[in-house]
mmCIF file of all heavy atoms, coordinates in Angstrom:
data_MODEL
# 
_entry.id   MODEL 
# 
loop_
_atom_site.group_PDB 
_atom_site.id 
_atom_site.type_symbol 
_atom_site.label_atom_id 
_atom_site.label_alt_id 
_atom_site.label_comp_id 
_atom_site.label_asym_id 
_atom_site.label_entity_id 
_atom_site.label_seq_id 
_atom_site.pdbx_PDB_ins_code 
_atom_site.Cartn_x 
_atom_site.Cartn_y 
_atom_site.Cartn_z 
_atom_site.occupancy 
_atom_site.B_iso_or_equiv 
_atom_site.pdbx_formal_charge 
_atom_site.auth_seq_id 
_atom_site.auth_comp_id 
_atom_site.auth_asym_id 
_atom_site.auth_atom_id 
_atom_site.pdbx_PDB_model_num 
ATOM 1   N N   . ALA A 1 1  ? -1.128  17.129 5.017  1.00 0.00 ? 1  ALA A N   1 
ATOM 2   C CA  . ALA A 1 1  ? -1.499  17.041 6.438  1.00 0.00 ? 1  ALA A CA  1 
ATOM 3   C C   . ALA A 1 1  ? -0.279  17.233 7.334  1.00 0.00 ? 1  ALA A C   1 
ATOM 4   O O   . ALA A 1 1  ? -0.369  17.830 8.406  1.00 0.00 ? 1  ALA A O   1 
ATOM 5   C CB  . ALA A 1 1  ? -2.154  15.692 6.720  1.00 0.00 ? 1  ALA A CB  1 
ATOM 6   N N   . ALA A 1 2  ? 0.879   16.751 6.881  1.00 0.00 ? 2  ALA A N   1 
ATOM 7   C CA  . ALA A 1 2  ? 2.107   16.900 7.673  1.00 0.00 ? 2  ALA A CA  1 
ATOM 8   C C   . ALA A 1 2  ? 2.487   18.369 7.836  1.00 0.00 ? 2  ALA A C   1 
ATOM 9   O O   . ALA A 1 2  ? 3.030   18.776 8.868  1.00 0.00 ? 2  ALA A O   1 
ATOM 10  C CB  . ALA A 1 2  ? 3.248   16.132 7.010  1.00 0.00 ? 2  ALA A CB  1 
ATOM 11  N N   . LYS A 1 3  ? 2.182   19.180 6.829  1.00 0.00 ? 3  LYS A N   1 
ATOM 12  C CA  . LYS A 1 3  ? 2.562   20.588 6.846  1.00 0.00 ? 3  LYS A CA  1 
ATOM 13  C C   . LYS A 1 3  ? 1.470   21.501 7.405  1.00 0.00 ? 3  LYS A C   1 
ATOM 14  O O   . LYS A 1 3  ? 1.691   22.693 7.589  1.00 0.00 ? 3  LYS A O   1 
ATOM 15  C CB  . LYS A 1 3  ? 2.905   21.047 5.427  1.00 0.00 ? 3  LYS A CB  1 
ATOM 16  C CG  . LYS A 1 3  ? 4.107   20.330 4.824  1.00 0.00 ? 3  LYS A CG  1 
ATOM 17  C CD  . LYS A 1 3  ? 4.322   20.781 3.388  1.00 0.00 ? 3  LYS A CD  1 
ATOM 18  C CE  . LYS A 1 3  ? 5.503   20.066 2.740  1.00 0.00 ? 3  LYS A CE  1 
ATOM 19  N NZ  . LYS A 1 3  ? 5.712   20.471 1.339  1.00 0.00 ? 3  LYS A NZ  1 
ATOM 20  N N   . ASP A 1 4  ? 0.299   20.934 7.646  1.00 0.00 ? 4  ASP A N   1 
ATOM 21  C CA  . ASP A 1 4  ? -0.857  21.733 8.054  1.00 0.00 ? 4  ASP A CA  1 
ATOM 22  C C   . ASP A 1 4  ? -0.815  21.999 9.561  1.00 0.00 ? 4  ASP A C   1 
ATOM 23  O O   . ASP A 1 4  ? -0.892  21.075 10.381 1.00 0.00 ? 4  ASP A O   1 
ATOM 24  C CB  . ASP A 1 4  ? -2.138  20.986 7.680  1.00 0.00 ? 4  ASP A CB  1 
ATOM 25  C CG  . ASP A 1 4  ? -3.388  21.846 7.811  1.00 0.00 ? 4  ASP A CG  1 
ATOM 26  O OD1 . ASP A 1 4  ? -3.333  22.860 8.541  1.00 0.00 ? 4  ASP A OD1 1 
ATOM 27  O OD2 . ASP A 1 4  ? -4.405  21.520 7.175  1.00 0.00 ? 4  ASP A OD2 1 
ATOM 28  N N   . ASP A 1 5  ? -0.692  23.276 9.948  1.00 0.00 ? 5  ASP A N   1 
ATOM 29  C CA  . ASP A 1 5  ? -0.665  23.673 11.362 1.00 0.00 ? 5  ASP A CA  1 
ATOM 30  C C   . ASP A 1 5  ? -1.894  23.195 12.122 1.00 0.00 ? 5  ASP A C   1 
ATOM 31  O O   . ASP A 1 5  ? -1.829  22.929 13.328 1.00 0.00 ? 5  ASP A O   1 
ATOM 32  C CB  . ASP A 1 5  ? -0.607  25.202 11.480 1.00 0.00 ? 5  ASP A CB  1 
ATOM 33  C CG  . ASP A 1 5  ? 0.744   25.758 11.070 1.00 0.00 ? 5  ASP A CG  1 
ATOM 34  O OD1 . ASP A 1 5  ? 1.650   24.949 10.805 1.00 0.00 ? 5  ASP A OD1 1 
ATOM 35  O OD2 . ASP A 1 5  ? 0.885   26.991 11.016 1.00 0.00 ? 5  ASP A OD2 1 
ATOM 36  N N   . ARG A 1 6  ? -3.013  23.092 11.425 1.00 0.00 ? 6  ARG A N   1 
ATOM 37  C CA  . ARG A 1 6  ? -4.277  22.771 12.102 1.00 0.00 ? 6  ARG A CA  1 
ATOM 38  C C   . ARG A 1 6  ? -4.414  21.286 12.394 1.00 0.00 ? 6  ARG A C   1 
ATOM 39  O O   . ARG A 1 6  ? -5.303  20.878 13.129 1.00 0.00 ? 6  ARG A O   1 
ATOM 40  C CB  . ARG A 1 6  ? -5.449  23.227 11.233 1.00 0.00 ? 6  ARG A CB  1 
ATOM 41  C CG  . ARG A 1 6  ? -5.460  24.719 10.941 1.00 0.00 ? 6  ARG A CG  1 
ATOM 42  C CD  . ARG A 1 6  ? -6.399  25.023 9.787  1.00 0.00 ? 6  ARG A CD  1 
ATOM 43  N NE  . ARG A 1 6  ? -5.973  24.336 8.571  1.00 0.00 ? 6  ARG A NE  1 
ATOM 44  C CZ  . ARG A 1 6  ? -6.688  24.290 7.452  1.00 0.00 ? 6  ARG A CZ  1 
ATOM 45  N NH1 . ARG A 1 6  ? -7.866  24.894 7.403  1.00 0.00 ? 6  ARG A NH1 1 
ATOM 46  N NH2 . ARG A 1 6  ? -6.231  23.658 6.385  1.00 0.00 ? 6  ARG A NH2 1 
ATOM 47  N N   . ILE A 1 7  ? -3.567  20.456 11.769 1.00 0.00 ? 7  ILE A N   1 
ATOM 48  C CA  . ILE A 1 7  ? -3.669  19.003 11.907 1.00 0.00 ? 7  ILE A CA  1 
ATOM 49  C C   . ILE A 1 7  ? -2.660  18.495 12.932 1.00 0.00 ? 7  ILE A C   1 
ATOM 50  O O   . ILE A 1 7  ? -1.470  18.808 12.855 1.00 0.00 ? 7  ILE A O   1 
ATOM 51  C CB  . ILE A 1 7  ? -3.440  18.318 10.546 1.00 0.00 ? 7  ILE A CB  1 
ATOM 52  C CG1 . ILE A 1 7  ? -4.551  18.709 9.563  1.00 0.00 ? 7  ILE A CG1 1 
ATOM 53  C CG2 . ILE A 1 7  ? -3.350  16.808 10.695 1.00 0.00 ? 7  ILE A CG2 1 
ATOM 54  C CD1 . ILE A 1 7  ? -5.947  18.307 10.005 1.00 0.00 ? 7  ILE A CD1 1 
ATOM 55  N N   . GLN A 1 8  ? -3.138  17.696 13.890 1.00 0.00 ? 8  GLN A N   1 
ATOM 56  C CA  . GLN A 1 8  ? -2.267  17.164 14.931 1.00 0.00 ? 8  GLN A CA  1 
ATOM 57  C C   . GLN A 1 8  ? -2.012  15.666 14.795 1.00 0.00 ? 8  GLN A C   1 
ATOM 58  O O   . GLN A 1 8  ? -1.156  15.111 15.477 1.00 0.00 ? 8  GLN A O   1 
ATOM 59  C CB  . GLN A 1 8  ? -2.862  17.437 16.321 1.00 0.00 ? 8  GLN A CB  1 
ATOM 60  C CG  . GLN A 1 8  ? -2.753  18.887 16.752 1.00 0.00 ? 8  GLN A CG  1 
ATOM 61  C CD  . GLN A 1 8  ? -3.823  19.760 16.106 1.00 0.00 ? 8  GLN A CD  1 
ATOM 62  O OE1 . GLN A 1 8  ? -4.999  19.455 16.178 1.00 0.00 ? 8  GLN A OE1 1 
ATOM 63  N NE2 . GLN A 1 8  ? -3.400  20.836 15.475 1.00 0.00 ? 8  GLN A NE2 1 
ATOM 64  N N   . ALA A 1 9  ? -2.775  14.981 13.919 1.00 0.00 ? 9  ALA A N   1 
ATOM 65  C CA  . ALA A 1 9  ? -2.584  13.544 13.771 1.00 0.00 ? 9  ALA A CA  1 
ATOM 66  C C   . ALA A 1 9  ? -3.150  13.077 12.439 1.00 0.00 ? 9  ALA A C   1 
ATOM 67  O O   . ALA A 1 9  ? -3.968  13.768 11.812 1.00 0.00 ? 9  ALA A O   1 
ATOM 68  C CB  . ALA A 1 9  ? -3.232  12.783 14.918 1.00 0.00 ? 9  ALA A CB  1 
ATOM 69  N N   . LEU A 1 10 ? -2.705  11.909 12.021 1.00 0.00 ? 10 LEU A N   1 
ATOM 70  C CA  . LEU A 1 10 ? -3.165  11.287 10.778 1.00 0.00 ? 10 LEU A CA  1 
ATOM 71  C C   . LEU A 1 10 ? -3.896  9.997  11.110 1.00 0.00 ? 10 LEU A C   1 
ATOM 72  O O   . LEU A 1 10 ? -3.412  9.177  11.887 1.00 0.00 ? 10 LEU A O   1 
ATOM 73  C CB  . LEU A 1 10 ? -1.963  10.990 9.875  1.00 0.00 ? 10 LEU A CB  1 
ATOM 74  C CG  . LEU A 1 10 ? -2.242  10.235 8.565  1.00 0.00 ? 10 LEU A CG  1 
ATOM 75  C CD1 . LEU A 1 10 ? -3.062  11.103 7.610  1.00 0.00 ? 10 LEU A CD1 1 
ATOM 76  C CD2 . LEU A 1 10 ? -0.927  9.810  7.907  1.00 0.00 ? 10 LEU A CD2 1 
ATOM 77  N N   . TYR A 1 11 ? -5.053  9.816  10.515 1.00 0.00 ? 11 TYR A N   1 
ATOM 78  C CA  . TYR A 1 11 ? -5.852  8.601  10.708 1.00 0.00 ? 11 TYR A CA  1 
ATOM 79  C C   . TYR A 1 11 ? -6.039  7.943  9.346  1.00 0.00 ? 11 TYR A C   1 
ATOM 80  O O   . TYR A 1 11 ? -6.723  8.472  8.484  1.00 0.00 ? 11 TYR A O   1 
ATOM 81  C CB  . TYR A 1 11 ? -7.178  8.975  11.370 1.00 0.00 ? 11 TYR A CB  1 
ATOM 82  C CG  . TYR A 1 11 ? -8.350  8.045  11.167 1.00 0.00 ? 11 TYR A CG  1 
ATOM 83  C CD1 . TYR A 1 11 ? -8.206  6.668  11.035 1.00 0.00 ? 11 TYR A CD1 1 
ATOM 84  C CD2 . TYR A 1 11 ? -9.658  8.566  11.145 1.00 0.00 ? 11 TYR A CD2 1 
ATOM 85  C CE1 . TYR A 1 11 ? -9.304  5.843  10.852 1.00 0.00 ? 11 TYR A CE1 1 
ATOM 86  C CE2 . TYR A 1 11 ? -10.761 7.751  10.979 1.00 0.00 ? 11 TYR A CE2 1 
ATOM 87  C CZ  . TYR A 1 11 ? -10.580 6.388  10.828 1.00 0.00 ? 11 TYR A CZ  1 
ATOM 88  O OH  . TYR A 1 11 ? -11.665 5.567  10.647 1.00 0.00 ? 11 TYR A OH  1 
ATOM 89  N N   . LEU A 1 12 ? -5.390  6.785  9.154  1.00 0.00 ? 12 LEU A N   1 
ATOM 90  C CA  . LEU A 1 12 ? -5.518  6.026  7.911  1.00 0.00 ? 12 LEU A CA  1 
ATOM 91  C C   . LEU A 1 12 ? -6.560  4.932  8.092  1.00 0.00 ? 12 LEU A C   1 
ATOM 92  O O   . LEU A 1 12 ? -6.440  4.093  8.990  1.00 0.00 ? 12 LEU A O   1 
ATOM 93  C CB  . LEU A 1 12 ? -4.180  5.397  7.525  1.00 0.00 ? 12 LEU A CB  1 
ATOM 94  C CG  . LEU A 1 12 ? -3.035  6.335  7.168  1.00 0.00 ? 12 LEU A CG  1 
ATOM 95  C CD1 . LEU A 1 12 ? -1.795  5.533  6.814  1.00 0.00 ? 12 LEU A CD1 1 
ATOM 96  C CD2 . LEU A 1 12 ? -3.409  7.273  6.023  1.00 0.00 ? 12 LEU A CD2 1 
ATOM 97  N N   . GLU A 1 13 ? -7.572  4.949  7.245  1.00 0.00 ? 13 GLU A N   1 
ATOM 98  C CA  . GLU A 1 13 ? -8.588  3.894  7.237  1.00 0.00 ? 13 GLU A CA  1 
ATOM 99  C C   . GLU A 1 13 ? -8.252  2.964  6.074  1.00 0.00 ? 13 GLU A C   1 
ATOM 100 O O   . GLU A 1 13 ? -8.230  3.390  4.911  1.00 0.00 ? 13 GLU A O   1 
ATOM 101 C CB  . GLU A 1 13 ? -9.980  4.499  7.064  1.00 0.00 ? 13 GLU A CB  1 
ATOM 102 C CG  . GLU A 1 13 ? -11.089 3.475  7.094  1.00 0.00 ? 13 GLU A CG  1 
ATOM 103 C CD  . GLU A 1 13 ? -12.455 4.097  6.859  1.00 0.00 ? 13 GLU A CD  1 
ATOM 104 O OE1 . GLU A 1 13 ? -12.568 5.335  6.848  1.00 0.00 ? 13 GLU A OE1 1 
ATOM 105 O OE2 . GLU A 1 13 ? -13.412 3.329  6.644  1.00 0.00 ? 13 GLU A OE2 1 
ATOM 106 N N   . LEU A 1 14 ? -7.972  1.709  6.374  1.00 0.00 ? 14 LEU A N   1 
ATOM 107 C CA  . LEU A 1 14 ? -7.479  0.777  5.357  1.00 0.00 ? 14 LEU A CA  1 
ATOM 108 C C   . LEU A 1 14 ? -8.530  -0.265 5.007  1.00 0.00 ? 14 LEU A C   1 
ATOM 109 O O   . LEU A 1 14 ? -9.170  -0.841 5.893  1.00 0.00 ? 14 LEU A O   1 
ATOM 110 C CB  . LEU A 1 14 ? -6.207  0.078  5.849  1.00 0.00 ? 14 LEU A CB  1 
ATOM 111 C CG  . LEU A 1 14 ? -5.057  0.982  6.324  1.00 0.00 ? 14 LEU A CG  1 
ATOM 112 C CD1 . LEU A 1 14 ? -3.860  0.140  6.730  1.00 0.00 ? 14 LEU A CD1 1 
ATOM 113 C CD2 . LEU A 1 14 ? -4.662  1.982  5.240  1.00 0.00 ? 14 LEU A CD2 1 
ATOM 114 N N   . HIS A 1 15 ? -8.680  -0.516 3.699  1.00 0.00 ? 15 HIS A N   1 
ATOM 115 C CA  . HIS A 1 15 ? -9.624  -1.534 3.218  1.00 0.00 ? 15 HIS A CA  1 
ATOM 116 C C   . HIS A 1 15 ? -9.000  -2.312 2.074  1.00 0.00 ? 15 HIS A C   1 
ATOM 117 O O   . HIS A 1 15 ? -8.631  -1.735 1.044  1.00 0.00 ? 15 HIS A O   1 
ATOM 118 C CB  . HIS A 1 15 ? -10.925 -0.886 2.717  1.00 0.00 ? 15 HIS A CB  1 
ATOM 119 C CG  . HIS A 1 15 ? -11.770 -0.290 3.784  1.00 0.00 ? 15 HIS A CG  1 
ATOM 120 N ND1 . HIS A 1 15 ? -12.617 -1.027 4.567  1.00 0.00 ? 15 HIS A ND1 1 
ATOM 121 C CD2 . HIS A 1 15 ? -11.882 0.993  4.213  1.00 0.00 ? 15 HIS A CD2 1 
ATOM 122 C CE1 . HIS A 1 15 ? -13.231 -0.224 5.431  1.00 0.00 ? 15 HIS A CE1 1 
ATOM 123 N NE2 . HIS A 1 15 ? -12.795 1.011  5.232  1.00 0.00 ? 15 HIS A NE2 1 
ATOM 124 N N   . ASP A 1 16 ? -8.833  -3.597 2.223  1.00 0.00 ? 16 ASP A N   1 
ATOM 125 C CA  . ASP A 1 16 ? -8.506  -4.508 1.122  1.00 0.00 ? 16 ASP A CA  1 
ATOM 126 C C   . ASP A 1 16 ? -7.389  -3.964 0.221  1.00 0.00 ? 16 ASP A C   1 
ATOM 127 O O   . ASP A 1 16 ? -7.564  -3.807 -0.979 1.00 0.00 ? 16 ASP A O   1 
ATOM 128 C CB  . ASP A 1 16 ? -9.767  -4.769 0.296  1.00 0.00 ? 16 ASP A CB  1 
ATOM 129 C CG  . ASP A 1 16 ? -9.591  -5.942 -0.651 1.00 0.00 ? 16 ASP A CG  1 
ATOM 130 O OD1 . ASP A 1 16 ? -8.754  -6.809 -0.364 1.00 0.00 ? 16 ASP A OD1 1 
ATOM 131 O OD2 . ASP A 1 16 ? -10.269 -5.964 -1.699 1.00 0.00 ? 16 ASP A OD2 1 
ATOM 132 N N   . ILE A 1 17 ? -6.238  -3.672 0.779  1.00 0.00 ? 17 ILE A N   1 
ATOM 133 C CA  . ILE A 1 17 ? -5.111  -3.177 0.000  1.00 0.00 ? 17 ILE A CA  1 
ATOM 134 C C   . ILE A 1 17 ? -4.536  -4.314 -0.842 1.00 0.00 ? 17 ILE A C   1 
ATOM 135 O O   . ILE A 1 17 ? -4.215  -5.386 -0.324 1.00 0.00 ? 17 ILE A O   1 
ATOM 136 C CB  . ILE A 1 17 ? -3.994  -2.616 0.918  1.00 0.00 ? 17 ILE A CB  1 
ATOM 137 C CG1 . ILE A 1 17 ? -4.548  -1.503 1.813  1.00 0.00 ? 17 ILE A CG1 1 
ATOM 138 C CG2 . ILE A 1 17 ? -2.818  -2.133 0.102  1.00 0.00 ? 17 ILE A CG2 1 
ATOM 139 C CD1 . ILE A 1 17 ? -4.927  -0.241 1.110  1.00 0.00 ? 17 ILE A CD1 1 
ATOM 140 N N   . SER A 1 18 ? -4.404  -4.083 -2.139 1.00 0.00 ? 18 SER A N   1 
ATOM 141 C CA  . SER A 1 18 ? -3.870  -5.112 -3.036 1.00 0.00 ? 18 SER A CA  1 
ATOM 142 C C   . SER A 1 18 ? -2.658  -4.623 -3.820 1.00 0.00 ? 18 SER A C   1 
ATOM 143 O O   . SER A 1 18 ? -2.245  -5.257 -4.782 1.00 0.00 ? 18 SER A O   1 
ATOM 144 C CB  . SER A 1 18 ? -4.962  -5.582 -4.008 1.00 0.00 ? 18 SER A CB  1 
ATOM 145 O OG  . SER A 1 18 ? -5.484  -4.478 -4.745 1.00 0.00 ? 18 SER A OG  1 
ATOM 146 N N   . ALA A 1 19 ? -2.095  -3.493 -3.435 1.00 0.00 ? 19 ALA A N   1 
ATOM 147 C CA  . ALA A 1 19 ? -0.939  -2.932 -4.140 1.00 0.00 ? 19 ALA A CA  1 
ATOM 148 C C   . ALA A 1 19 ? 0.285   -3.817 -3.942 1.00 0.00 ? 19 ALA A C   1 
ATOM 149 O O   . ALA A 1 19 ? 0.355   -4.620 -3.018 1.00 0.00 ? 19 ALA A O   1 
ATOM 150 C CB  . ALA A 1 19 ? -0.655  -1.524 -3.622 1.00 0.00 ? 19 ALA A CB  1 
ATOM 151 N N   . GLY A 1 20 ? 1.271   -3.653 -4.834 1.00 0.00 ? 20 GLY A N   1 
ATOM 152 C CA  . GLY A 1 20 ? 2.513   -4.389 -4.718 1.00 0.00 ? 20 GLY A CA  1 
ATOM 153 C C   . GLY A 1 20 ? 3.458   -3.736 -3.725 1.00 0.00 ? 20 GLY A C   1 
ATOM 154 O O   . GLY A 1 20 ? 3.185   -2.670 -3.165 1.00 0.00 ? 20 GLY A O   1 
ATOM 155 N N   . PHE A 1 21 ? 4.610   -4.371 -3.525 1.00 0.00 ? 21 PHE A N   1 
ATOM 156 C CA  . PHE A 1 21 ? 5.567   -3.885 -2.521 1.00 0.00 ? 21 PHE A CA  1 
ATOM 157 C C   . PHE A 1 21 ? 6.163   -2.529 -2.889 1.00 0.00 ? 21 PHE A C   1 
ATOM 158 O O   . PHE A 1 21 ? 6.570   -1.777 -2.011 1.00 0.00 ? 21 PHE A O   1 
ATOM 159 C CB  . PHE A 1 21 ? 6.674   -4.918 -2.320 1.00 0.00 ? 21 PHE A CB  1 
ATOM 160 C CG  . PHE A 1 21 ? 6.222   -6.167 -1.618 1.00 0.00 ? 21 PHE A CG  1 
ATOM 161 C CD1 . PHE A 1 21 ? 6.267   -7.402 -2.263 1.00 0.00 ? 21 PHE A CD1 1 
ATOM 162 C CD2 . PHE A 1 21 ? 5.732   -6.113 -0.324 1.00 0.00 ? 21 PHE A CD2 1 
ATOM 163 C CE1 . PHE A 1 21 ? 5.850   -8.552 -1.614 1.00 0.00 ? 21 PHE A CE1 1 
ATOM 164 C CE2 . PHE A 1 21 ? 5.298   -7.258 0.335  1.00 0.00 ? 21 PHE A CE2 1 
ATOM 165 C CZ  . PHE A 1 21 ? 5.362   -8.489 -0.322 1.00 0.00 ? 21 PHE A CZ  1 
ATOM 166 N N   . GLY A 1 22 ? 6.226   -2.214 -4.177 1.00 0.00 ? 22 GLY A N   1 
ATOM 167 C CA  . GLY A 1 22 ? 6.753   -0.910 -4.581 1.00 0.00 ? 22 GLY A CA  1 
ATOM 168 C C   . GLY A 1 22 ? 5.876   0.228  -4.098 1.00 0.00 ? 22 GLY A C   1 
ATOM 169 O O   . GLY A 1 22 ? 6.358   1.195  -3.491 1.00 0.00 ? 22 GLY A O   1 
ATOM 170 N N   . LYS A 1 23 ? 4.580   0.129  -4.332 1.00 0.00 ? 23 LYS A N   1 
ATOM 171 C CA  . LYS A 1 23 ? 3.654   1.181  -3.895 1.00 0.00 ? 23 LYS A CA  1 
ATOM 172 C C   . LYS A 1 23 ? 3.570   1.228  -2.371 1.00 0.00 ? 23 LYS A C   1 
ATOM 173 O O   . LYS A 1 23 ? 3.441   2.307  -1.782 1.00 0.00 ? 23 LYS A O   1 
ATOM 174 C CB  . LYS A 1 23 ? 2.272   0.931  -4.501 1.00 0.00 ? 23 LYS A CB  1 
ATOM 175 C CG  . LYS A 1 23 ? 2.216   1.097  -6.010 1.00 0.00 ? 23 LYS A CG  1 
ATOM 176 C CD  . LYS A 1 23 ? 0.864   0.672  -6.535 1.00 0.00 ? 23 LYS A CD  1 
ATOM 177 C CE  . LYS A 1 23 ? 0.867   0.615  -8.054 1.00 0.00 ? 23 LYS A CE  1 
ATOM 178 N NZ  . LYS A 1 23 ? -0.357  -0.023 -8.574 1.00 0.00 ? 23 LYS A NZ  1 
ATOM 179 N N   . LEU A 1 24 ? 3.631   0.058  -1.747 1.00 0.00 ? 24 LEU A N   1 
ATOM 180 C CA  . LEU A 1 24 ? 3.606   0.038  -0.279 1.00 0.00 ? 24 LEU A CA  1 
ATOM 181 C C   . LEU A 1 24 ? 4.790   0.809  0.278  1.00 0.00 ? 24 LEU A C   1 
ATOM 182 O O   . LEU A 1 24 ? 4.668   1.517  1.289  1.00 0.00 ? 24 LEU A O   1 
ATOM 183 C CB  . LEU A 1 24 ? 3.638   -1.399 0.237  1.00 0.00 ? 24 LEU A CB  1 
ATOM 184 C CG  . LEU A 1 24 ? 2.411   -2.275 -0.037 1.00 0.00 ? 24 LEU A CG  1 
ATOM 185 C CD1 . LEU A 1 24 ? 2.579   -3.629 0.627  1.00 0.00 ? 24 LEU A CD1 1 
ATOM 186 C CD2 . LEU A 1 24 ? 1.127   -1.615 0.429  1.00 0.00 ? 24 LEU A CD2 1 
ATOM 187 N N   . ASN A 1 25 ? 5.937   0.682  -0.361 1.00 0.00 ? 25 ASN A N   1 
ATOM 188 C CA  . ASN A 1 25 ? 7.120   1.403  0.101  1.00 0.00 ? 25 ASN A CA  1 
ATOM 189 C C   . ASN A 1 25 ? 6.926   2.912  -0.009 1.00 0.00 ? 25 ASN A C   1 
ATOM 190 O O   . ASN A 1 25 ? 7.356   3.675  0.857  1.00 0.00 ? 25 ASN A O   1 
ATOM 191 C CB  . ASN A 1 25 ? 8.343   0.973  -0.700 1.00 0.00 ? 25 ASN A CB  1 
ATOM 192 C CG  . ASN A 1 25 ? 9.637   1.468  -0.086 1.00 0.00 ? 25 ASN A CG  1 
ATOM 193 O OD1 . ASN A 1 25 ? 9.910   1.251  1.084  1.00 0.00 ? 25 ASN A OD1 1 
ATOM 194 N ND2 . ASN A 1 25 ? 10.444  2.157  -0.881 1.00 0.00 ? 25 ASN A ND2 1 
ATOM 195 N N   . GLU A 1 26 ? 6.266   3.365  -1.082 1.00 0.00 ? 26 GLU A N   1 
ATOM 196 C CA  . GLU A 1 26 ? 5.970   4.797  -1.245 1.00 0.00 ? 26 GLU A CA  1 
ATOM 197 C C   . GLU A 1 26 ? 5.094   5.280  -0.090 1.00 0.00 ? 26 GLU A C   1 
ATOM 198 O O   . GLU A 1 26 ? 5.329   6.349  0.483  1.00 0.00 ? 26 GLU A O   1 
ATOM 199 C CB  . GLU A 1 26 ? 5.262   5.042  -2.576 1.00 0.00 ? 26 GLU A CB  1 
ATOM 200 C CG  . GLU A 1 26 ? 6.080   4.742  -3.815 1.00 0.00 ? 26 GLU A CG  1 
ATOM 201 C CD  . GLU A 1 26 ? 6.960   5.900  -4.234 1.00 0.00 ? 26 GLU A CD  1 
ATOM 202 O OE1 . GLU A 1 26 ? 6.691   7.034  -3.816 1.00 0.00 ? 26 GLU A OE1 1 
ATOM 203 O OE2 . GLU A 1 26 ? 7.913   5.657  -4.996 1.00 0.00 ? 26 GLU A OE2 1 
ATOM 204 N N   . LEU A 1 27 ? 4.077   4.492  0.253  1.00 0.00 ? 27 LEU A N   1 
ATOM 205 C CA  . LEU A 1 27 ? 3.168   4.883  1.339  1.00 0.00 ? 27 LEU A CA  1 
ATOM 206 C C   . LEU A 1 27 ? 3.872   4.879  2.687  1.00 0.00 ? 27 LEU A C   1 
ATOM 207 O O   . LEU A 1 27 ? 3.705   5.804  3.492  1.00 0.00 ? 27 LEU A O   1 
ATOM 208 C CB  . LEU A 1 27 ? 1.968   3.937  1.368  1.00 0.00 ? 27 LEU A CB  1 
ATOM 209 C CG  . LEU A 1 27 ? 0.838   4.268  0.401  1.00 0.00 ? 27 LEU A CG  1 
ATOM 210 C CD1 . LEU A 1 27 ? -0.128  3.106  0.299  1.00 0.00 ? 27 LEU A CD1 1 
ATOM 211 C CD2 . LEU A 1 27 ? 0.107   5.526  0.828  1.00 0.00 ? 27 LEU A CD2 1 
# 
C-alpha cells in the first residue's frame, strides 16, 4: 500500500490483538 500510487491512506482495523512486543515492533 505504501508503494501503490492509487492509495492515499492506510486504515487499520484492530480487534483483540494478543501478539507479543516483538511482533508489535514489526508492525
